[in-house]
Amino acid sequence: MIVFQQLPGFRRGNNQKPVFDRRILSGRITVLQLFYTDTFEFPLPDSHRFPMSKYRMLRETLQADVTARDAFQFAIPHAATDEELLLVHHPDYLRAVCGGSLSEESIRQIGFPWSMELVERSRRSTGATLEAAAAALDAGCAANLAGGTHHAYADRGEGFCVFNDVCVAAKWLQREHGIRQILIVDCDVHQGNGTARIAEGDDSIFTFSIHSQTNYPFRKEKSDLDVGLARGTGDEGYLNALSSALESIAQRLVPEFVFYISGADPYEQDRLGRLSLTKRGLASRDRMVLEQWGRRGIPVALSMGGGYADCLEDIVKIHSNTLCIAGEFSKQAVS
């Protein structure tokens, strides 16, 4: 059973097990909509370093934990269509991905071997963020249990990212719902270089990335606001930098919609992170971001982003804490 950080909105019963009490959070019982894609598996070599099983572990942990599972509603998303993907991605790139004609160098940059299962999973992961965005318009908050594929450019993939789910969903919101100002808050430990390049020069999408400055990608793009942190930055330094950045953003714009890529990889034991946040610090980060916008009634769609700790249970705990905090900002009542 998952052990949650002791956060506002949680109480402990006589048996000292964590009990999720949504009445404390909002005065009514609400549910957070979660879209998952872990059932769409694609083949990886046994030696591959990407921890694919973390997504299934996250969903199964939330579904199995009787103290929290009623707080969440689970759904399988649609596969993003060509029309939706072409809102961002170049036709030649989409054809190459779907037709299996990517060059060896393109496949190397993505980091996954090509397969039709990879294409399906990538479409579904983008579809999950699209559906989370649509759900958040009504409910205030919703989440993709994967996603945050921010290294994908319009014409290529990189860093375990095939399609840029958040940028596709942002363009879809603008087209289908007339959203005029979107904010992307990217707290993954790696800069969202693909996102920054796709949104470059687009005043309707404000990109913010707080990341390890000495980490991948080693050639950074220019977001609307970048905060690059020194190696080993811990809770206090990170949270102070994040608070200042969020205050600066609030003075510059009032978004109509926010995408939040949380990321479990700033964690102190993440093997690819180079920052030193604790689980408590990461929970404080999530609360800071979500309160900044959720308390104002601005809808927020979450994607999980990266997480590469050797202990997969640590990744699951970090993401679960994020989702439980996000549940406070859902307006959807239990049916």
Protein backbone atom coordinates (compact mmCIF):
# COMPACT_ATOMS: atom_id res chain seq x y z
CA MET A 1 0.00 0.00 0.00
CA ILE A 2 1.28 3.43 -0.87
CA VAL A 3 2.38 5.66 2.02
CA PHE A 4 1.41 9.26 1.35
CA GLN A 5 3.20 12.27 2.72
CA GLN A 6 1.25 13.83 5.57
CA LEU A 7 -0.42 16.65 3.65
CA PRO A 8 -3.45 18.87 4.26
CA GLY A 9 -6.52 16.89 3.34
CA PHE A 10 -5.26 13.63 4.82
CA ARG A 11 -6.23 12.28 8.21
CA ARG A 12 -5.10 9.18 10.07
CA GLY A 13 -7.52 6.69 11.56
CA ASN A 14 -6.98 4.60 14.67
CA ASN A 15 -4.96 2.07 12.69
CA GLN A 16 -2.57 4.85 11.60
CA LYS A 17 -3.09 4.08 7.91
CA PRO A 18 -3.47 7.13 5.64
CA VAL A 19 -7.09 7.95 4.94
CA PHE A 20 -7.88 10.29 2.07
CA ASP A 21 -10.67 12.61 3.17
CA ARG A 22 -11.98 14.78 0.36
CA ARG A 23 -14.46 16.50 2.68
CA ILE A 24 -11.51 18.16 4.39
CA LEU A 25 -10.19 19.31 1.05
CA SER A 26 -13.24 20.94 -0.44
CA GLY A 27 -16.29 20.52 1.74
CA ARG A 28 -17.74 17.99 -0.70
CA ILE A 29 -16.74 14.67 -2.23
CA THR A 30 -15.03 15.11 -5.59
CA VAL A 31 -13.18 12.85 -7.98
CA LEU A 32 -10.15 13.46 -10.19
CA GLN A 33 -10.29 12.05 -13.72
CA LEU A 34 -7.18 10.09 -14.71
CA PHE A 35 -6.37 8.85 -18.21
CA TYR A 36 -4.00 5.91 -18.54
CA THR A 37 -2.15 4.20 -21.39
CA ASP A 38 0.00 1.56 -19.69
CA THR A 39 -2.05 -1.26 -21.24
CA PHE A 40 -0.64 -0.27 -24.65
CA GLU A 41 2.80 -1.80 -24.29
CA PHE A 42 5.62 -1.76 -26.80
CA PRO A 43 8.69 -4.01 -26.89
CA LEU A 44 11.92 -2.88 -25.27
CA PRO A 45 15.18 -4.77 -24.79
CA ASP A 46 15.63 -6.17 -21.28
CA SER A 47 18.65 -3.90 -20.84
CA HIS A 48 16.78 -0.69 -21.75
CA ARG A 49 17.08 2.02 -19.10
CA PHE A 50 13.57 3.45 -19.42
CA PRO A 51 11.39 2.26 -16.49
CA MET A 52 8.24 1.54 -18.51
CA SER A 53 6.59 -0.47 -15.73
CA LYS A 54 6.27 2.62 -13.53
CA TYR A 55 3.07 3.65 -15.34
CA ARG A 56 1.32 0.37 -14.67
CA MET A 57 2.55 0.40 -11.08
CA LEU A 58 1.15 3.90 -10.57
CA ARG A 59 -2.31 3.02 -11.87
CA GLU A 60 -2.49 -0.31 -10.05
CA THR A 61 -1.33 1.23 -6.79
CA LEU A 62 -3.99 3.93 -6.94
CA GLN A 63 -6.68 1.43 -7.90
CA ALA A 64 -5.71 -1.03 -5.17
CA ASP A 65 -5.38 1.43 -2.29
CA VAL A 66 -8.77 1.51 -0.57
CA THR A 67 -7.87 4.77 1.16
CA ALA A 68 -7.53 6.67 -2.09
CA ARG A 69 -9.08 4.84 -5.02
CA ASP A 70 -12.53 6.41 -4.66
CA ALA A 71 -10.87 9.79 -5.20
CA PHE A 72 -10.03 8.87 -8.79
CA GLN A 73 -11.91 7.94 -11.94
CA PHE A 74 -9.89 5.95 -14.50
CA ALA A 75 -10.37 5.93 -18.26
CA ILE A 76 -8.52 4.77 -21.37
CA PRO A 77 -8.08 7.67 -23.82
CA HIS A 78 -8.57 7.70 -27.56
CA ALA A 79 -5.56 7.50 -29.85
CA ALA A 80 -4.71 10.99 -31.07
CA THR A 81 -5.73 11.31 -34.71
CA ASP A 82 -3.59 12.51 -37.60
CA GLU A 83 -5.64 15.70 -37.64
CA GLU A 84 -4.88 16.36 -33.98
CA LEU A 85 -1.17 15.55 -34.29
CA LEU A 86 -0.83 17.77 -37.35
CA LEU A 87 -1.82 20.75 -35.24
CA VAL A 88 1.85 20.65 -34.17
CA HIS A 89 3.82 18.01 -36.04
CA HIS A 90 5.06 18.20 -39.61
CA PRO A 91 3.33 15.87 -42.10
CA ASP A 92 6.62 14.29 -43.20
CA TYR A 93 7.55 13.45 -39.62
CA LEU A 94 4.13 12.00 -38.88
CA ARG A 95 4.32 9.84 -42.01
CA ALA A 96 7.78 8.62 -41.05
CA VAL A 97 6.71 7.73 -37.52
CA CYS A 98 3.53 5.96 -38.54
CA GLY A 99 5.03 4.30 -41.61
CA GLY A 100 8.17 3.04 -39.93
CA SER A 101 10.51 5.01 -42.18
CA LEU A 102 12.40 6.98 -39.53
CA SER A 103 16.14 7.06 -40.08
CA GLU A 104 18.46 5.21 -37.72
CA GLU A 105 19.61 8.56 -36.35
CA SER A 106 16.01 9.64 -35.70
CA ILE A 107 15.34 6.40 -33.83
CA ARG A 108 18.54 6.85 -31.84
CA GLN A 109 17.49 10.36 -30.82
CA ILE A 110 14.08 9.15 -29.68
CA GLY A 111 15.68 6.38 -27.66
CA PHE A 112 13.08 3.69 -28.33
CA PRO A 113 13.18 1.05 -31.06
CA TRP A 114 10.46 1.65 -33.64
CA SER A 115 7.39 -0.59 -33.67
CA MET A 116 3.71 -0.23 -34.46
CA GLU A 117 3.09 -0.68 -30.74
CA LEU A 118 5.27 2.39 -30.08
CA VAL A 119 3.17 4.40 -32.53
CA GLU A 120 -0.05 3.32 -30.84
CA ARG A 121 1.28 4.08 -27.36
CA SER A 122 2.49 7.50 -28.49
CA ARG A 123 -0.90 8.31 -30.01
CA ARG A 124 -2.67 7.16 -26.85
CA SER A 125 -0.38 9.16 -24.59
CA THR A 126 -1.12 12.30 -26.58
CA GLY A 127 -4.81 11.42 -26.54
CA ALA A 128 -4.63 11.15 -22.76
CA THR A 129 -3.44 14.73 -22.43
CA LEU A 130 -6.09 15.89 -24.91
CA GLU A 131 -8.79 14.21 -22.84
CA ALA A 132 -7.36 15.47 -19.57
CA ALA A 133 -7.48 19.00 -21.00
CA ALA A 134 -11.09 18.56 -22.08
CA ALA A 135 -12.03 17.11 -18.68
CA ALA A 136 -10.27 19.94 -16.83
CA LEU A 137 -12.39 22.52 -18.64
CA ASP A 138 -15.41 21.07 -16.85
CA ALA A 139 -13.92 19.66 -13.66
CA GLY A 140 -11.15 22.17 -12.98
CA CYS A 141 -8.40 19.57 -12.95
CA ALA A 142 -7.61 16.22 -14.61
CA ALA A 143 -4.49 14.21 -15.37
CA ASN A 144 -2.65 11.97 -17.79
CA LEU A 145 -0.94 9.17 -15.86
CA ALA A 146 1.97 9.44 -18.31
CA GLY A 147 2.78 12.16 -20.85
CA GLY A 148 4.83 15.28 -20.54
CA THR A 149 6.76 14.35 -23.69
CA HIS A 150 8.36 17.76 -23.89
CA HIS A 151 11.49 16.83 -25.87
CA ALA A 152 9.54 16.17 -29.05
CA TYR A 153 9.89 18.87 -31.70
CA ALA A 154 7.48 19.54 -34.55
CA ASP A 155 9.71 17.60 -36.96
CA ARG A 156 11.49 15.07 -34.77
CA GLY A 157 11.47 13.18 -31.50
CA GLU A 158 14.10 13.17 -28.79
CA GLY A 159 14.71 11.88 -25.29
CA PHE A 160 12.00 9.17 -25.10
CA CYS A 161 9.45 11.56 -26.66
CA VAL A 162 7.74 10.88 -30.00
CA PHE A 163 4.89 13.42 -30.05
CA ASN A 164 4.63 16.57 -27.93
CA ASP A 165 1.41 15.83 -26.06
CA VAL A 166 1.08 19.15 -24.25
CA CYS A 167 1.64 21.30 -27.35
CA VAL A 168 -0.86 19.24 -29.33
CA ALA A 169 -3.42 19.62 -26.54
CA ALA A 170 -2.73 23.35 -26.27
CA LYS A 171 -3.34 23.88 -29.99
CA TRP A 172 -6.44 21.70 -29.80
CA LEU A 173 -7.85 23.82 -26.94
CA GLN A 174 -7.27 26.96 -28.97
CA ARG A 175 -8.95 25.53 -32.04
CA GLU A 176 -11.87 23.74 -30.42
CA HIS A 177 -12.56 25.93 -27.38
CA GLY A 178 -11.20 29.33 -28.30
CA ILE A 179 -8.73 29.44 -25.40
CA ARG A 180 -6.66 32.55 -25.96
CA GLN A 181 -3.89 32.31 -23.34
CA ILE A 182 -2.25 29.08 -22.24
CA LEU A 183 0.51 28.58 -19.69
CA ILE A 184 2.78 25.53 -19.67
CA VAL A 185 4.50 24.96 -16.32
CA ASP A 186 7.25 22.38 -16.75
CA CYS A 187 8.86 21.14 -13.55
CA ASP A 188 10.48 18.06 -15.04
CA VAL A 189 14.19 18.13 -14.21
CA HIS A 190 15.07 18.36 -17.93
CA GLN A 191 14.28 21.49 -19.89
CA GLY A 192 11.28 21.19 -22.20
CA ASN A 193 13.30 22.00 -25.30
CA GLY A 194 10.78 20.72 -27.84
CA THR A 195 7.97 22.63 -26.17
CA ALA A 196 10.01 25.82 -26.10
CA ARG A 197 10.84 25.58 -29.80
CA ILE A 198 7.28 24.72 -30.88
CA ALA A 199 5.81 27.65 -28.95
CA GLU A 200 8.59 30.08 -29.88
CA GLY A 201 7.11 33.35 -31.15
CA ASP A 202 3.56 32.32 -30.17
CA ASP A 203 2.32 34.88 -27.69
CA SER A 204 -0.77 32.79 -26.94
CA ILE A 205 1.33 30.03 -25.28
CA PHE A 206 3.66 30.99 -22.42
CA THR A 207 6.32 28.39 -21.65
CA PHE A 208 8.03 28.10 -18.27
CA SER A 209 10.67 25.50 -17.44
CA ILE A 210 12.50 25.04 -14.14
CA HIS A 211 15.21 22.43 -14.54
CA SER A 212 18.77 21.29 -13.87
CA GLN A 213 20.97 23.61 -15.90
CA THR A 214 23.78 21.07 -16.33
CA ASN A 215 21.49 18.22 -17.40
CA TYR A 216 20.03 17.01 -20.70
CA PRO A 217 19.32 18.60 -23.13
CA PHE A 218 22.80 20.07 -23.21
CA ARG A 219 21.76 22.55 -25.88
CA LYS A 220 18.85 24.41 -24.35
CA GLU A 221 16.11 26.18 -26.27
CA LYS A 222 14.67 29.50 -25.07
CA SER A 223 11.41 29.26 -23.16
CA ASP A 224 9.47 32.39 -22.27
CA LEU A 225 10.90 31.87 -18.79
CA ASP A 226 13.73 29.48 -17.96
CA VAL A 227 15.09 28.83 -14.47
CA GLY A 228 18.19 26.67 -14.64
CA LEU A 229 19.32 25.36 -11.26
CA ALA A 230 22.77 24.31 -10.12
CA ARG A 231 23.57 20.66 -9.58
CA GLY A 232 22.49 19.45 -6.14
CA THR A 233 19.90 22.18 -5.51
CA GLY A 234 17.64 21.02 -2.67
CA ASP A 235 14.19 21.80 -1.34
CA GLU A 236 14.76 25.33 -0.06
CA GLY A 237 16.66 26.65 -3.06
CA TYR A 238 14.25 25.02 -5.51
CA LEU A 239 11.08 26.23 -3.80
CA ASN A 240 12.40 29.77 -3.45
CA ALA A 241 13.26 29.86 -7.16
CA LEU A 242 9.89 28.39 -8.11
CA SER A 243 7.99 30.87 -5.94
CA SER A 244 9.79 33.81 -7.51
CA ALA A 245 9.14 32.47 -11.00
CA LEU A 246 5.44 31.90 -10.38
CA GLU A 247 5.10 35.41 -8.96
CA SER A 248 6.81 36.81 -12.04
CA ILE A 249 4.48 34.87 -14.34
CA ALA A 250 1.42 36.04 -12.41
CA GLN A 251 2.49 39.63 -12.95
CA ARG A 252 2.88 39.07 -16.69
CA LEU A 253 -0.26 37.18 -17.66
CA VAL A 254 -3.53 35.65 -16.52
CA PRO A 255 -3.83 32.30 -18.32
CA GLU A 256 -7.15 30.77 -19.26
CA PHE A 257 -5.69 27.27 -19.03
CA VAL A 258 -2.59 25.71 -17.44
CA PHE A 259 -0.70 22.56 -18.35
CA TYR A 260 1.46 21.24 -15.53
CA ILE A 261 4.24 18.73 -16.23
CA SER A 262 5.19 17.70 -12.71
CA GLY A 263 8.07 15.24 -13.04
CA ALA A 264 9.39 12.89 -10.37
CA ASP A 265 12.96 13.34 -11.57
CA PRO A 266 14.06 16.32 -9.46
CA TYR A 267 14.05 13.72 -6.64
CA GLU A 268 17.32 13.36 -4.74
CA GLN A 269 17.65 9.67 -5.64
CA ASP A 270 16.78 9.98 -9.32
CA ARG A 271 19.63 8.56 -11.40
CA LEU A 272 19.14 11.11 -14.21
CA GLY A 273 18.10 14.12 -12.14
CA ARG A 274 21.11 16.00 -10.69
CA LEU A 275 18.86 17.89 -8.25
CA SER A 276 18.25 16.92 -4.61
CA LEU A 277 14.61 17.41 -3.72
CA THR A 278 12.98 15.22 -1.09
CA LYS A 279 9.51 13.73 -1.47
CA ARG A 280 8.22 16.38 0.91
CA GLY A 281 9.85 19.10 -1.17
CA LEU A 282 8.27 17.74 -4.33
CA ALA A 283 4.85 17.71 -2.66
CA SER A 284 5.39 21.34 -1.65
CA ARG A 285 6.28 22.11 -5.25
CA ASP A 286 3.04 20.54 -6.48
CA ARG A 287 0.98 22.44 -3.96
CA MET A 288 2.68 25.72 -4.85
CA VAL A 289 1.96 25.31 -8.56
CA LEU A 290 -1.59 24.03 -8.19
CA GLU A 291 -2.63 26.60 -5.60
CA GLN A 292 -1.24 29.40 -7.75
CA TRP A 293 -3.75 28.64 -10.50
CA GLY A 294 -6.32 26.22 -9.11
CA ARG A 295 -7.40 28.54 -6.32
CA ARG A 296 -8.26 31.11 -8.98
CA GLY A 297 -10.51 28.65 -10.78
CA ILE A 298 -8.15 28.30 -13.76
CA PRO A 299 -8.36 24.75 -15.18
CA VAL A 300 -5.21 22.64 -14.96
CA ALA A 301 -4.29 19.48 -16.89
CA LEU A 302 -1.43 17.44 -15.48
CA SER A 303 1.11 15.16 -17.13
CA MET A 304 3.51 13.08 -15.06
CA GLY A 305 6.79 13.77 -16.87
CA GLY A 306 9.98 11.89 -16.07
CA GLY A 307 11.08 9.72 -13.19
CA TYR A 308 14.13 7.45 -13.17
CA ALA A 309 14.83 6.45 -9.57
CA ASP A 310 16.12 2.90 -9.20
CA CYS A 311 13.38 2.30 -6.65
CA LEU A 312 10.21 2.46 -8.75
CA GLU A 313 8.10 2.66 -5.61
CA ASP A 314 9.65 6.08 -4.96
CA ILE A 315 8.48 7.28 -8.39
CA VAL A 316 4.98 5.96 -7.69
CA LYS A 317 4.84 7.71 -4.31
CA ILE A 318 5.90 11.03 -5.82
CA HIS A 319 3.34 10.88 -8.62
CA SER A 320 0.62 9.70 -6.21
CA ASN A 321 1.24 12.65 -3.94
CA THR A 322 0.95 14.96 -6.95
CA LEU A 323 -2.39 13.44 -7.93
CA CYS A 324 -3.83 13.57 -4.44
CA ILE A 325 -2.97 17.26 -4.16
CA ALA A 326 -4.47 17.84 -7.61
CA GLY A 327 -7.68 16.21 -6.42
CA GLU A 328 -8.31 19.21 -4.20
CA PHE A 329 -8.89 21.31 -7.29
CA SER A 330 -11.36 19.03 -9.03
CA LYS A 331 -14.93 20.29 -9.13
CA GLN A 332 -16.43 17.01 -10.37
CA ALA A 333 -18.69 15.50 -7.71
CA VAL A 334 -18.90 11.77 -7.21
CA SER A 335 -21.91 10.45 -9.11
